[in-house]
Protein backbone atom coordinates (compact mmCIF):
# COMPACT_ATOMS: atom_id res chain seq x y z
CA MET A 1 134.32 -8.39 59.71
CA HIS A 2 131.60 -5.52 59.55
CA TRP A 3 131.18 -5.50 63.51
CA LEU A 4 135.09 -5.68 63.90
CA TRP A 5 135.36 -2.64 61.84
CA VAL A 6 132.60 -0.94 63.96
CA ILE A 7 134.57 -1.50 66.82
CA ILE A 8 137.84 -0.06 65.30
CA VAL A 9 136.37 3.04 64.05
CA GLY A 10 134.33 3.28 67.66
CA LEU A 11 137.90 3.34 69.38
CA VAL A 12 138.60 6.57 67.00
CA VAL A 13 135.28 7.99 66.99
CA GLY A 14 135.45 8.07 71.20
CA ILE A 15 138.70 10.23 70.73
CA ILE A 16 137.17 12.37 68.35
CA ALA A 17 133.82 13.09 70.20
CA LYS A 18 135.99 13.67 73.46
CA ALA A 19 137.94 16.32 71.87
CA VAL A 20 134.85 17.87 70.28
CA THR A 21 132.82 17.77 73.49
CA PRO A 22 133.17 20.94 75.52
CA GLY A 23 134.07 20.77 79.00
CA LYS A 24 136.81 19.23 81.41
CA GLU A 25 136.65 15.55 81.71
CA ALA A 26 138.11 13.60 84.18
CA MET A 27 137.39 10.16 82.62
CA GLY A 28 140.28 7.97 81.11
CA TRP A 29 140.49 6.57 77.81
CA ILE A 30 139.04 3.31 78.55
CA ILE A 31 135.59 5.01 79.22
CA THR A 32 136.22 7.08 76.36
CA ALA A 33 136.72 4.12 73.94
CA ILE A 34 133.51 2.28 75.46
CA LEU A 35 131.32 5.28 74.68
CA GLY A 36 132.92 5.72 71.13
CA ILE A 37 132.09 2.14 70.28
CA ALA A 38 128.64 2.37 71.95
CA GLY A 39 128.09 5.35 69.77
CA SER A 40 129.20 3.76 66.77
CA PHE A 41 127.07 0.69 67.40
CA ILE A 42 124.08 2.66 68.03
CA SER A 43 124.68 4.82 65.08
CA THR A 44 125.21 1.79 62.90
CA PHE A 45 122.20 -0.04 63.91
CA VAL A 46 119.82 2.82 63.92
CA GLY A 47 121.12 4.32 60.59
CA GLU A 48 121.37 1.20 58.70
CA LYS A 49 117.71 -0.01 59.78
CA LEU A 50 116.21 3.67 58.81
CA GLY A 51 118.09 3.62 55.70
CA TRP A 52 120.01 6.86 56.24
CA TRP A 53 123.38 5.38 55.01
CA PRO A 54 124.80 2.21 53.84
CA GLU A 55 127.30 -0.10 55.82
CA ALA A 56 130.25 1.98 55.10
CA GLY A 57 131.28 5.48 53.94
CA PHE A 58 131.76 9.18 55.14
CA MET A 59 128.34 9.92 56.59
CA HIS A 60 128.55 6.47 58.59
CA PHE A 61 131.60 7.78 60.17
CA ILE A 62 129.90 11.38 60.79
CA GLY A 63 126.84 9.45 62.36
CA SER A 64 129.18 7.45 64.64
CA ILE A 65 130.73 10.72 65.84
CA ILE A 66 127.29 12.30 66.55
CA GLY A 67 126.37 8.97 68.51
CA ALA A 68 129.35 9.07 70.56
CA VAL A 69 128.83 12.95 71.27
CA VAL A 70 125.40 12.36 72.50
CA LEU A 71 126.45 9.23 74.66
CA LEU A 72 129.29 11.66 76.21
CA VAL A 73 126.70 14.59 76.91
CA ILE A 74 124.35 11.82 78.74
CA TYR A 75 127.33 10.50 80.69
CA HIS A 76 128.22 14.10 81.71
CA ALA A 77 124.75 14.74 82.68
CA LEU A 78 124.43 11.46 84.73
CA PHE A 79 127.78 11.42 86.31
CA ARG A 80 128.55 15.18 86.68
CA ARG A 81 130.50 15.89 90.10
CA ASP A 82 129.40 19.16 91.86
CA ALA A 83 132.14 21.65 92.40
CA ALA A 84 130.98 21.80 96.16
CA SER A 85 131.78 18.24 96.91
C-alpha cells in the first residue's frame, strides 16, 4: 500500500514540479507524470535509507517535489531542442 501511495503522490508531484520548473515545456502530461513518479520513488528510497524522513509526512512530500524538479532539469538538459533546428 505504501508504494501505491508513492505513485499517487508522484502524479501530483509531477504536476507541481512542472509548474515550479522555469521555462517553456513542450512535453505532455504522461512524461510529467512519469518524471513525478520517478522523482517520488527516488526521494522515497534515498530519504528513507539515509534516515532523512519517515515513510510519510510533509517533509517526504517536499522531498518528492525536489526529486521531481531535479529529474525535470536533467530531462531538459538531455532533450533540449535547439532554437536553430
